[in-house]
Every structure is written in C-alpha cells, then in structure tokens.
Amino acid sequence: MADKKPVGRQKIPIAKIEKENARYATFSKRRKGLYKKASELIGQYDDLDIGIIMFSPTGKPYSFSHPTVDAVIDRFLYPNMLSSESNRLAAENSRNKVKELQVKLDDYDITENDETDETNRWDSIEEFDAEEIKKDKIWFKSIDEMLKNRLIQLENGASPSAQAAPKDAN
C-alpha cells in the first residue's frame, strides 16, 4: 500500500500519443496551459519579454508574444543592444495596455465577488433588445414550471425523475 501513488498528478512518460483525437486534445490543453503561465509571468514582471511559437499536430502555427513580436525577436537576436525607438514605443504601449486591462480585470473580480453590490449585475439590462427579452422570458417560464413541478414532487414525497426540459426552453 505504501507504493501506491495518489490519484492526483502523476508523472507521465514522454511518448507520442497514438490516438489522434487524444493527441489534439492534449495539445490544446497544454497550449492553453503555456499561455496561462506566460500571462502569469507577464503579470509578475514589468519588463518581461516572452515569446512562444508552437505547431499543432496538424501543422497549424500558434504564437504568443509580449510585449510585441518585434521586441521579443530583437531581444533574442541582439540581447546586448537597445531596441529601436519604434519598437520601444510599441513595447511600452503594449505593456501599458496590459497593465490597464489587468486593473480592469482586478476591479471586475472585486465587483463580482462583492455580494452586497447586486445592482452591478443588472446594469447591462438596458442593452437587451426585444428578441433577447422574449427568449429569456420563455426560458424563465420553463424554469419556473420545472421548479414548481419539482416542489410538488418533493411535497408529495416522490423521488426525483429525469424530466426533459420543455422544447421551448432554449
């Protein structure tokens, strides 16, 4: 029993994944993981230049760069030289945009996590058009009916049954 590994993360040997669909899915997951790690690094370090280039199993190219592709390439090819004025301006602009978006994201997270500020959830209701409102009204009615039916079942002591949603629910 002491030799068993936990079910969580385990070391997977590096080998080609033979099943094509599994290989594509694994590539997508790992690509997203690399992008996420790169984004986290950018958030932690102000003057970081990072570039990732990869090709999918089907040969499709994917890339990630910060602050700009030119800045990353210049830094790679000429590590001891200063970049051109236009590249420096573009890189600074990109870094400022990332900082601005990070502040907005942080503010959004704080607002969404603040349960006392319920009004923010309904600020965008004015943007709905008539068709969206009609669809939502039908959906809410179907949910209401399902909840009422489930309440009746529970009050009568019935066990839950798999009921299909009404056809007009979507």
N, C-alpha and C. Protein backbone atom coordinates (compact mmCIF):
# COMPACT_ATOMS: atom_id res chain seq x y z
N MET A 1 0.80 -1.20 0.00
CA MET A 1 0.00 0.00 0.00
C MET A 1 0.84 1.26 0.00
N ALA A 2 2.02 1.19 0.56
CA ALA A 2 2.88 2.36 0.64
C ALA A 2 3.43 2.73 -0.74
N ASP A 3 3.44 1.78 -1.68
CA ASP A 3 3.98 2.03 -3.02
C ASP A 3 2.99 2.71 -3.94
N LYS A 4 1.73 2.80 -3.57
CA LYS A 4 0.72 3.40 -4.44
C LYS A 4 0.90 4.92 -4.50
N LYS A 5 0.76 5.46 -5.72
CA LYS A 5 0.79 6.91 -5.89
C LYS A 5 -0.61 7.46 -5.73
N PRO A 6 -0.72 8.70 -5.27
CA PRO A 6 -2.06 9.29 -5.19
C PRO A 6 -2.66 9.43 -6.59
N VAL A 7 -3.97 9.55 -6.63
CA VAL A 7 -4.68 9.62 -7.90
C VAL A 7 -4.43 10.95 -8.61
N GLY A 8 -3.99 11.98 -7.90
CA GLY A 8 -3.78 13.31 -8.49
C GLY A 8 -2.76 13.30 -9.61
N ARG A 9 -1.92 14.31 -9.64
CA ARG A 9 -0.93 14.41 -10.70
C ARG A 9 0.11 13.32 -10.59
N GLN A 10 0.33 12.67 -11.70
CA GLN A 10 1.34 11.64 -11.75
C GLN A 10 2.26 11.93 -12.93
N LYS A 11 3.48 11.45 -12.84
CA LYS A 11 4.42 11.66 -13.93
C LYS A 11 4.01 10.79 -15.11
N ILE A 12 3.89 11.44 -16.26
CA ILE A 12 3.51 10.74 -17.49
C ILE A 12 4.75 10.66 -18.36
N PRO A 13 5.09 9.46 -18.82
CA PRO A 13 6.28 9.36 -19.66
C PRO A 13 6.10 10.13 -20.97
N ILE A 14 7.19 10.73 -21.44
CA ILE A 14 7.15 11.47 -22.69
C ILE A 14 7.16 10.45 -23.83
N ALA A 15 6.10 10.40 -24.55
CA ALA A 15 5.96 9.50 -25.69
C ALA A 15 4.87 10.04 -26.59
N LYS A 16 4.93 9.69 -27.85
CA LYS A 16 3.91 10.14 -28.78
C LYS A 16 2.57 9.53 -28.40
N ILE A 17 1.55 10.38 -28.37
CA ILE A 17 0.21 9.91 -28.09
C ILE A 17 -0.33 9.33 -29.39
N GLU A 18 -0.64 8.07 -29.38
CA GLU A 18 -1.00 7.37 -30.62
C GLU A 18 -2.39 7.74 -31.13
N LYS A 19 -3.35 7.90 -30.24
CA LYS A 19 -4.71 8.22 -30.67
C LYS A 19 -4.75 9.68 -31.13
N GLU A 20 -5.19 9.87 -32.36
CA GLU A 20 -5.17 11.20 -32.97
C GLU A 20 -6.00 12.21 -32.19
N ASN A 21 -7.23 11.86 -31.82
CA ASN A 21 -8.09 12.79 -31.09
C ASN A 21 -7.51 13.15 -29.72
N ALA A 22 -6.93 12.16 -29.06
CA ALA A 22 -6.31 12.41 -27.75
C ALA A 22 -5.10 13.33 -27.91
N ARG A 23 -4.35 13.16 -28.99
CA ARG A 23 -3.18 13.99 -29.24
C ARG A 23 -3.59 15.45 -29.47
N TYR A 24 -4.67 15.65 -30.24
CA TYR A 24 -5.15 17.01 -30.49
C TYR A 24 -5.67 17.66 -29.20
N ALA A 25 -6.40 16.89 -28.42
CA ALA A 25 -6.94 17.43 -27.17
C ALA A 25 -5.81 17.78 -26.20
N THR A 26 -4.82 16.92 -26.11
CA THR A 26 -3.68 17.17 -25.21
C THR A 26 -2.91 18.41 -25.66
N PHE A 27 -2.72 18.56 -26.97
CA PHE A 27 -2.03 19.75 -27.47
C PHE A 27 -2.79 21.01 -27.06
N SER A 28 -4.11 21.02 -27.26
CA SER A 28 -4.90 22.20 -26.91
C SER A 28 -4.80 22.53 -25.44
N LYS A 29 -4.87 21.52 -24.59
CA LYS A 29 -4.79 21.75 -23.15
C LYS A 29 -3.41 22.28 -22.76
N ARG A 30 -2.38 21.70 -23.32
CA ARG A 30 -1.02 22.14 -22.98
C ARG A 30 -0.75 23.54 -23.53
N ARG A 31 -1.27 23.85 -24.71
CA ARG A 31 -1.12 25.19 -25.29
C ARG A 31 -1.77 26.22 -24.37
N LYS A 32 -2.99 25.93 -23.93
CA LYS A 32 -3.67 26.85 -23.02
C LYS A 32 -2.89 27.01 -21.72
N GLY A 33 -2.32 25.90 -21.22
CA GLY A 33 -1.52 25.96 -20.01
C GLY A 33 -0.28 26.82 -20.17
N LEU A 34 0.39 26.69 -21.31
CA LEU A 34 1.56 27.53 -21.58
C LEU A 34 1.18 29.00 -21.67
N TYR A 35 0.08 29.30 -22.36
CA TYR A 35 -0.37 30.68 -22.47
C TYR A 35 -0.71 31.25 -21.10
N LYS A 36 -1.33 30.42 -20.27
CA LYS A 36 -1.70 30.89 -18.93
C LYS A 36 -0.46 31.18 -18.10
N LYS A 37 0.53 30.29 -18.16
CA LYS A 37 1.78 30.51 -17.41
C LYS A 37 2.50 31.76 -17.92
N ALA A 38 2.51 31.95 -19.24
CA ALA A 38 3.15 33.13 -19.80
C ALA A 38 2.44 34.39 -19.32
N SER A 39 1.13 34.36 -19.29
CA SER A 39 0.35 35.52 -18.82
C SER A 39 0.63 35.81 -17.35
N GLU A 40 0.77 34.76 -16.56
CA GLU A 40 1.07 34.94 -15.14
C GLU A 40 2.45 35.58 -14.97
N LEU A 41 3.42 35.15 -15.76
CA LEU A 41 4.76 35.75 -15.69
C LEU A 41 4.72 37.22 -16.06
N ILE A 42 3.95 37.55 -17.10
CA ILE A 42 3.83 38.94 -17.52
C ILE A 42 3.24 39.78 -16.40
N GLY A 43 2.27 39.22 -15.68
CA GLY A 43 1.66 39.95 -14.58
C GLY A 43 2.61 40.18 -13.41
N GLN A 44 3.58 39.29 -13.24
CA GLN A 44 4.51 39.40 -12.12
C GLN A 44 5.72 40.29 -12.40
N TYR A 45 6.13 40.35 -13.66
CA TYR A 45 7.35 41.09 -14.01
C TYR A 45 7.03 42.15 -15.05
N ASP A 46 7.38 43.41 -14.76
CA ASP A 46 7.04 44.53 -15.64
C ASP A 46 7.78 44.50 -16.97
N ASP A 47 9.06 44.24 -16.96
CA ASP A 47 9.87 44.36 -18.18
C ASP A 47 10.16 43.02 -18.84
N LEU A 48 9.28 42.09 -18.71
CA LEU A 48 9.49 40.76 -19.27
C LEU A 48 9.14 40.74 -20.75
N ASP A 49 10.03 40.17 -21.56
CA ASP A 49 9.75 39.91 -22.97
C ASP A 49 9.63 38.40 -23.10
N ILE A 50 8.53 37.93 -23.67
CA ILE A 50 8.32 36.50 -23.78
C ILE A 50 7.70 36.17 -25.12
N GLY A 51 8.16 35.08 -25.71
CA GLY A 51 7.62 34.64 -26.98
C GLY A 51 7.51 33.13 -27.01
N ILE A 52 6.40 32.63 -27.52
CA ILE A 52 6.18 31.19 -27.65
C ILE A 52 5.70 30.95 -29.08
N ILE A 53 6.34 30.01 -29.74
CA ILE A 53 5.89 29.58 -31.07
C ILE A 53 5.78 28.07 -31.03
N MET A 54 4.63 27.57 -31.47
CA MET A 54 4.44 26.12 -31.50
C MET A 54 3.57 25.75 -32.69
N PHE A 55 3.68 24.50 -33.09
CA PHE A 55 2.89 23.99 -34.19
C PHE A 55 2.05 22.83 -33.68
N SER A 56 0.78 22.83 -34.04
CA SER A 56 -0.12 21.76 -33.63
C SER A 56 0.23 20.48 -34.38
N PRO A 57 -0.32 19.35 -33.95
CA PRO A 57 -0.08 18.09 -34.66
C PRO A 57 -0.52 18.15 -36.13
N THR A 58 -1.42 19.07 -36.45
CA THR A 58 -1.86 19.21 -37.84
C THR A 58 -1.00 20.19 -38.61
N GLY A 59 -0.02 20.81 -37.94
CA GLY A 59 0.88 21.75 -38.61
C GLY A 59 0.45 23.20 -38.51
N LYS A 60 -0.63 23.49 -37.81
CA LYS A 60 -1.10 24.86 -37.68
C LYS A 60 -0.22 25.60 -36.66
N PRO A 61 0.30 26.79 -37.04
CA PRO A 61 1.17 27.52 -36.11
C PRO A 61 0.37 28.31 -35.07
N TYR A 62 0.91 28.38 -33.87
CA TYR A 62 0.34 29.17 -32.78
C TYR A 62 1.47 29.98 -32.17
N SER A 63 1.16 31.19 -31.74
CA SER A 63 2.20 32.02 -31.13
C SER A 63 1.63 32.87 -30.01
N PHE A 64 2.51 33.26 -29.13
CA PHE A 64 2.19 34.15 -28.02
C PHE A 64 3.41 35.03 -27.84
N SER A 65 3.22 36.33 -27.78
CA SER A 65 4.37 37.20 -27.54
C SER A 65 3.94 38.40 -26.71
N HIS A 66 4.90 38.89 -25.94
CA HIS A 66 4.67 40.09 -25.13
C HIS A 66 6.01 40.78 -24.97
N PRO A 67 6.12 42.04 -25.15
CA PRO A 67 5.07 43.00 -25.45
C PRO A 67 4.69 42.99 -26.93
N THR A 68 5.68 42.79 -27.83
CA THR A 68 5.38 42.67 -29.25
C THR A 68 6.31 41.61 -29.83
N VAL A 69 5.95 41.09 -30.99
CA VAL A 69 6.79 40.10 -31.66
C VAL A 69 8.16 40.71 -31.97
N ASP A 70 8.16 41.95 -32.47
CA ASP A 70 9.44 42.61 -32.82
C ASP A 70 10.33 42.77 -31.60
N ALA A 71 9.76 43.15 -30.47
CA ALA A 71 10.56 43.32 -29.26
C ALA A 71 11.17 41.99 -28.82
N VAL A 72 10.40 40.92 -28.90
CA VAL A 72 10.91 39.60 -28.50
C VAL A 72 12.03 39.15 -29.44
N ILE A 73 11.82 39.31 -30.74
CA ILE A 73 12.83 38.90 -31.71
C ILE A 73 14.11 39.72 -31.55
N ASP A 74 13.96 41.05 -31.40
CA ASP A 74 15.14 41.91 -31.20
C ASP A 74 15.90 41.50 -29.95
N ARG A 75 15.17 41.23 -28.90
CA ARG A 75 15.81 40.85 -27.63
C ARG A 75 16.54 39.52 -27.77
N PHE A 76 15.97 38.61 -28.58
CA PHE A 76 16.58 37.29 -28.78
C PHE A 76 17.82 37.41 -29.66
N LEU A 77 17.70 38.14 -30.78
CA LEU A 77 18.81 38.24 -31.72
C LEU A 77 19.93 39.15 -31.23
N TYR A 78 19.55 40.21 -30.53
CA TYR A 78 20.53 41.20 -30.09
C TYR A 78 20.34 41.49 -28.59
N PRO A 79 20.73 40.55 -27.73
CA PRO A 79 20.44 40.71 -26.30
C PRO A 79 21.13 41.90 -25.64
N ASN A 80 22.26 42.36 -26.17
CA ASN A 80 23.00 43.45 -25.53
C ASN A 80 22.74 44.81 -26.16
N MET A 81 21.92 44.85 -27.20
CA MET A 81 21.67 46.12 -27.89
C MET A 81 20.32 46.69 -27.46
N LEU A 82 20.25 48.00 -27.53
CA LEU A 82 18.98 48.67 -27.27
C LEU A 82 18.09 48.51 -28.51
N SER A 83 16.81 48.35 -28.30
CA SER A 83 15.90 48.21 -29.43
C SER A 83 15.63 49.58 -30.04
N SER A 84 15.10 49.58 -31.24
CA SER A 84 14.83 50.84 -31.94
C SER A 84 13.76 51.63 -31.19
N GLU A 85 13.70 52.91 -31.50
CA GLU A 85 12.73 53.79 -30.85
C GLU A 85 11.30 53.32 -31.10
N SER A 86 11.00 52.93 -32.33
CA SER A 86 9.63 52.49 -32.65
C SER A 86 9.28 51.20 -31.90
N ASN A 87 10.25 50.27 -31.80
CA ASN A 87 9.99 49.05 -31.04
C ASN A 87 9.82 49.33 -29.56
N ARG A 88 10.61 50.28 -29.03
CA ARG A 88 10.48 50.63 -27.61
C ARG A 88 9.11 51.25 -27.34
N LEU A 89 8.66 52.13 -28.25
CA LEU A 89 7.35 52.76 -28.07
C LEU A 89 6.22 51.73 -28.17
N ALA A 90 6.33 50.83 -29.12
CA ALA A 90 5.31 49.79 -29.27
C ALA A 90 5.28 48.88 -28.05
N ALA A 91 6.47 48.52 -27.55
CA ALA A 91 6.55 47.66 -26.37
C ALA A 91 5.97 48.37 -25.15
N GLU A 92 6.30 49.64 -24.98
CA GLU A 92 5.77 50.41 -23.84
C GLU A 92 4.26 50.53 -23.93
N ASN A 93 3.75 50.79 -25.13
CA ASN A 93 2.31 50.88 -25.34
C ASN A 93 1.63 49.55 -24.99
N SER A 94 2.23 48.46 -25.43
CA SER A 94 1.66 47.14 -25.14
C SER A 94 1.68 46.85 -23.64
N ARG A 95 2.79 47.18 -22.98
CA ARG A 95 2.87 46.95 -21.53
C ARG A 95 1.83 47.78 -20.78
N ASN A 96 1.66 49.04 -21.20
CA ASN A 96 0.65 49.89 -20.56
C ASN A 96 -0.75 49.33 -20.76
N LYS A 97 -1.03 48.82 -21.95
CA LYS A 97 -2.35 48.25 -22.24
C LYS A 97 -2.60 47.02 -21.35
N VAL A 98 -1.58 46.18 -21.17
CA VAL A 98 -1.71 45.00 -20.31
C VAL A 98 -1.98 45.43 -18.87
N LYS A 99 -1.25 46.45 -18.40
CA LYS A 99 -1.47 46.93 -17.03
C LYS A 99 -2.88 47.48 -16.86
N GLU A 100 -3.34 48.24 -17.87
CA GLU A 100 -4.69 48.80 -17.83
C GLU A 100 -5.76 47.70 -17.81
N LEU A 101 -5.57 46.69 -18.64
CA LEU A 101 -6.53 45.58 -18.67
C LEU A 101 -6.49 44.78 -17.37
N GLN A 102 -5.29 44.64 -16.78
CA GLN A 102 -5.18 43.91 -15.52
C GLN A 102 -5.91 44.65 -14.40
N VAL A 103 -5.81 45.99 -14.39
CA VAL A 103 -6.53 46.78 -13.39
C VAL A 103 -8.04 46.60 -13.58
N LYS A 104 -8.50 46.64 -14.83
CA LYS A 104 -9.93 46.44 -15.10
C LYS A 104 -10.38 45.06 -14.66
N LEU A 105 -9.55 44.04 -14.94
CA LEU A 105 -9.89 42.68 -14.53
C LEU A 105 -9.95 42.56 -13.02
N ASP A 106 -8.98 43.16 -12.34
CA ASP A 106 -8.98 43.13 -10.87
C ASP A 106 -10.23 43.83 -10.32
N ASP A 107 -10.58 44.99 -10.90
CA ASP A 107 -11.79 45.70 -10.46
C ASP A 107 -13.03 44.86 -10.71
N TYR A 108 -13.07 44.20 -11.85
CA TYR A 108 -14.22 43.34 -12.20
C TYR A 108 -14.34 42.18 -11.20
N ASP A 109 -13.19 41.55 -10.88
CA ASP A 109 -13.20 40.45 -9.91
C ASP A 109 -13.70 40.92 -8.56
N ILE A 110 -13.26 42.09 -8.12
CA ILE A 110 -13.69 42.62 -6.82
C ILE A 110 -15.19 42.89 -6.85
N THR A 111 -15.68 43.49 -7.93
CA THR A 111 -17.10 43.81 -8.06
C THR A 111 -17.95 42.54 -8.09
N GLU A 112 -17.50 41.54 -8.87
CA GLU A 112 -18.26 40.30 -8.98
C GLU A 112 -18.28 39.54 -7.67
N ASN A 113 -17.20 39.62 -6.90
CA ASN A 113 -17.13 38.89 -5.64
C ASN A 113 -17.82 39.61 -4.50
N ASP A 114 -18.18 40.86 -4.68
CA ASP A 114 -18.83 41.63 -3.64
C ASP A 114 -20.33 41.35 -3.68
N GLU A 115 -20.80 40.52 -2.78
CA GLU A 115 -22.20 40.09 -2.79
C GLU A 115 -23.15 41.21 -2.36
N THR A 116 -22.63 42.25 -1.76
CA THR A 116 -23.51 43.33 -1.32
C THR A 116 -23.89 44.26 -2.46
N ASP A 117 -23.15 44.21 -3.57
CA ASP A 117 -23.42 45.13 -4.68
C ASP A 117 -24.17 44.40 -5.79
N GLU A 118 -25.43 44.11 -5.56
CA GLU A 118 -26.25 43.38 -6.53
C GLU A 118 -26.65 44.22 -7.73
N THR A 119 -26.62 45.54 -7.62
CA THR A 119 -27.08 46.39 -8.73
C THR A 119 -26.19 46.25 -9.95
N ASN A 120 -24.91 45.97 -9.77
CA ASN A 120 -24.00 45.85 -10.91
C ASN A 120 -24.40 44.71 -11.83
N ARG A 121 -25.04 43.70 -11.30
CA ARG A 121 -25.45 42.56 -12.13
C ARG A 121 -26.51 42.96 -13.15
N TRP A 122 -27.25 44.02 -12.90
CA TRP A 122 -28.36 44.38 -13.76
C TRP A 122 -28.08 45.64 -14.57
N ASP A 123 -26.86 46.16 -14.52
CA ASP A 123 -26.52 47.38 -15.27
C ASP A 123 -26.71 47.21 -16.77
N SER A 124 -26.46 46.02 -17.28
CA SER A 124 -26.49 45.82 -18.73
C SER A 124 -27.88 45.46 -19.24
N ILE A 125 -28.89 45.45 -18.41
CA ILE A 125 -30.23 45.05 -18.83
C ILE A 125 -30.79 46.01 -19.88
N GLU A 126 -30.34 47.25 -19.86
CA GLU A 126 -30.80 48.23 -20.84
C GLU A 126 -30.30 47.91 -22.25
N GLU A 127 -29.29 47.06 -22.36
CA GLU A 127 -28.72 46.72 -23.66
C GLU A 127 -29.49 45.59 -24.37
N PHE A 128 -30.41 44.93 -23.68
CA PHE A 128 -31.17 43.83 -24.29
C PHE A 128 -32.14 44.38 -25.33
N ASP A 129 -32.26 43.65 -26.44
CA ASP A 129 -33.28 44.04 -27.42
C ASP A 129 -34.53 43.19 -27.19
N ALA A 130 -35.60 43.48 -27.91
CA ALA A 130 -36.89 42.82 -27.69
C ALA A 130 -36.79 41.31 -27.90
N GLU A 131 -36.04 40.88 -28.92
CA GLU A 131 -35.93 39.44 -29.21
C GLU A 131 -35.25 38.69 -28.06
N GLU A 132 -34.18 39.28 -27.51
CA GLU A 132 -33.50 38.65 -26.37
C GLU A 132 -34.42 38.55 -25.17
N ILE A 133 -35.18 39.60 -24.94
CA ILE A 133 -36.09 39.60 -23.80
C ILE A 133 -37.16 38.53 -23.96
N LYS A 134 -37.69 38.37 -25.18
CA LYS A 134 -38.70 37.33 -25.42
C LYS A 134 -38.12 35.93 -25.18
N LYS A 135 -36.92 35.68 -25.68
CA LYS A 135 -36.28 34.37 -25.48
C LYS A 135 -36.06 34.11 -23.99
N ASP A 136 -35.55 35.12 -23.28
CA ASP A 136 -35.30 34.96 -21.85
C ASP A 136 -36.61 34.73 -21.09
N LYS A 137 -37.67 35.40 -21.50
CA LYS A 137 -38.96 35.24 -20.83
C LYS A 137 -39.45 33.80 -20.98
N ILE A 138 -39.34 33.24 -22.18
CA ILE A 138 -39.73 31.84 -22.41
C ILE A 138 -38.88 30.92 -21.55
N TRP A 139 -37.59 31.17 -21.51
CA TRP A 139 -36.69 30.34 -20.73
C TRP A 139 -37.03 30.40 -19.24
N PHE A 140 -37.27 31.61 -18.72
CA PHE A 140 -37.62 31.76 -17.30
C PHE A 140 -38.93 31.05 -16.98
N LYS A 141 -39.91 31.12 -17.90
CA LYS A 141 -41.17 30.43 -17.68
C LYS A 141 -40.95 28.92 -17.59
N SER A 142 -40.13 28.37 -18.47
CA SER A 142 -39.89 26.93 -18.44
C SER A 142 -39.18 26.53 -17.14
N ILE A 143 -38.23 27.33 -16.71
CA ILE A 143 -37.54 27.05 -15.44
C ILE A 143 -38.54 27.12 -14.29
N ASP A 144 -39.40 28.12 -14.31
CA ASP A 144 -40.42 28.27 -13.28
C ASP A 144 -41.30 27.02 -13.21
N GLU A 145 -41.73 26.52 -14.37
CA GLU A 145 -42.58 25.32 -14.41
C GLU A 145 -41.84 24.10 -13.86
N MET A 146 -40.58 23.95 -14.25
CA MET A 146 -39.81 22.81 -13.74
C MET A 146 -39.64 22.89 -12.23
N LEU A 147 -39.39 24.09 -11.71
CA LEU A 147 -39.23 24.25 -10.26
C LEU A 147 -40.53 23.97 -9.52
N LYS A 148 -41.64 24.44 -10.08
CA LYS A 148 -42.95 24.17 -9.47
C LYS A 148 -43.23 22.67 -9.45
N ASN A 149 -42.96 21.98 -10.57
CA ASN A 149 -43.17 20.53 -10.63
C ASN A 149 -42.29 19.80 -9.62
N ARG A 150 -41.06 20.22 -9.50
CA ARG A 150 -40.14 19.57 -8.56
C ARG A 150 -40.60 19.81 -7.12
N LEU A 151 -41.09 21.01 -6.82
CA LEU A 151 -41.58 21.30 -5.49
C LEU A 151 -42.78 20.42 -5.15
N ILE A 152 -43.68 20.24 -6.11
CA ILE A 152 -44.84 19.36 -5.89
C ILE A 152 -44.37 17.93 -5.63
N GLN A 153 -43.39 17.46 -6.40
CA GLN A 153 -42.84 16.12 -6.19
C GLN A 153 -42.28 15.97 -4.78
N LEU A 154 -41.52 16.96 -4.35
CA LEU A 154 -40.90 16.89 -3.03
C LEU A 154 -41.96 16.93 -1.93
N GLU A 155 -42.98 17.76 -2.11
CA GLU A 155 -44.05 17.85 -1.12
C GLU A 155 -44.84 16.55 -1.03
N ASN A 156 -44.95 15.84 -2.14
CA ASN A 156 -45.68 14.57 -2.16
C ASN A 156 -44.78 13.39 -1.82
N GLY A 157 -43.50 13.64 -1.57
CA GLY A 157 -42.58 12.58 -1.19
C GLY A 157 -42.12 11.73 -2.36
N ALA A 158 -42.29 12.22 -3.59
CA ALA A 158 -41.88 11.46 -4.76
C ALA A 158 -40.38 11.58 -4.96
N SER A 159 -39.79 10.53 -5.53
CA SER A 159 -38.37 10.57 -5.82
C SER A 159 -38.14 11.35 -7.10
N PRO A 160 -36.95 11.93 -7.25
CA PRO A 160 -36.69 12.71 -8.46
C PRO A 160 -36.72 11.81 -9.69
N SER A 161 -37.27 12.33 -10.77
CA SER A 161 -37.28 11.59 -12.02
C SER A 161 -36.64 12.46 -13.09
N ALA A 162 -36.09 11.81 -14.06
CA ALA A 162 -35.44 12.55 -15.14
C ALA A 162 -36.50 13.09 -16.06
N GLN A 163 -36.73 14.37 -15.98
CA GLN A 163 -37.70 15.00 -16.85
C GLN A 163 -36.97 15.84 -17.88
N ALA A 164 -37.42 15.75 -19.11
CA ALA A 164 -36.82 16.56 -20.17
C ALA A 164 -37.33 17.99 -20.05
N ALA A 165 -36.48 18.91 -20.40
CA ALA A 165 -36.88 20.31 -20.39
C ALA A 165 -37.87 20.55 -21.51
N PRO A 166 -38.78 21.49 -21.35
CA PRO A 166 -39.72 21.80 -22.41
C PRO A 166 -39.00 22.20 -23.68
N LYS A 167 -39.58 21.93 -24.84
CA LYS A 167 -38.93 22.18 -26.12
C LYS A 167 -38.64 23.66 -26.34
N ASP A 168 -39.47 24.52 -25.76
CA ASP A 168 -39.25 25.96 -25.97
C ASP A 168 -38.33 26.57 -24.93
N ALA A 169 -37.61 25.72 -24.16
CA ALA A 169 -36.73 26.23 -23.11
C ALA A 169 -35.54 26.99 -23.69
N ASN A 170 -35.12 26.64 -24.88
CA ASN A 170 -33.99 27.34 -25.47
C ASN A 170 -34.51 28.37 -26.41
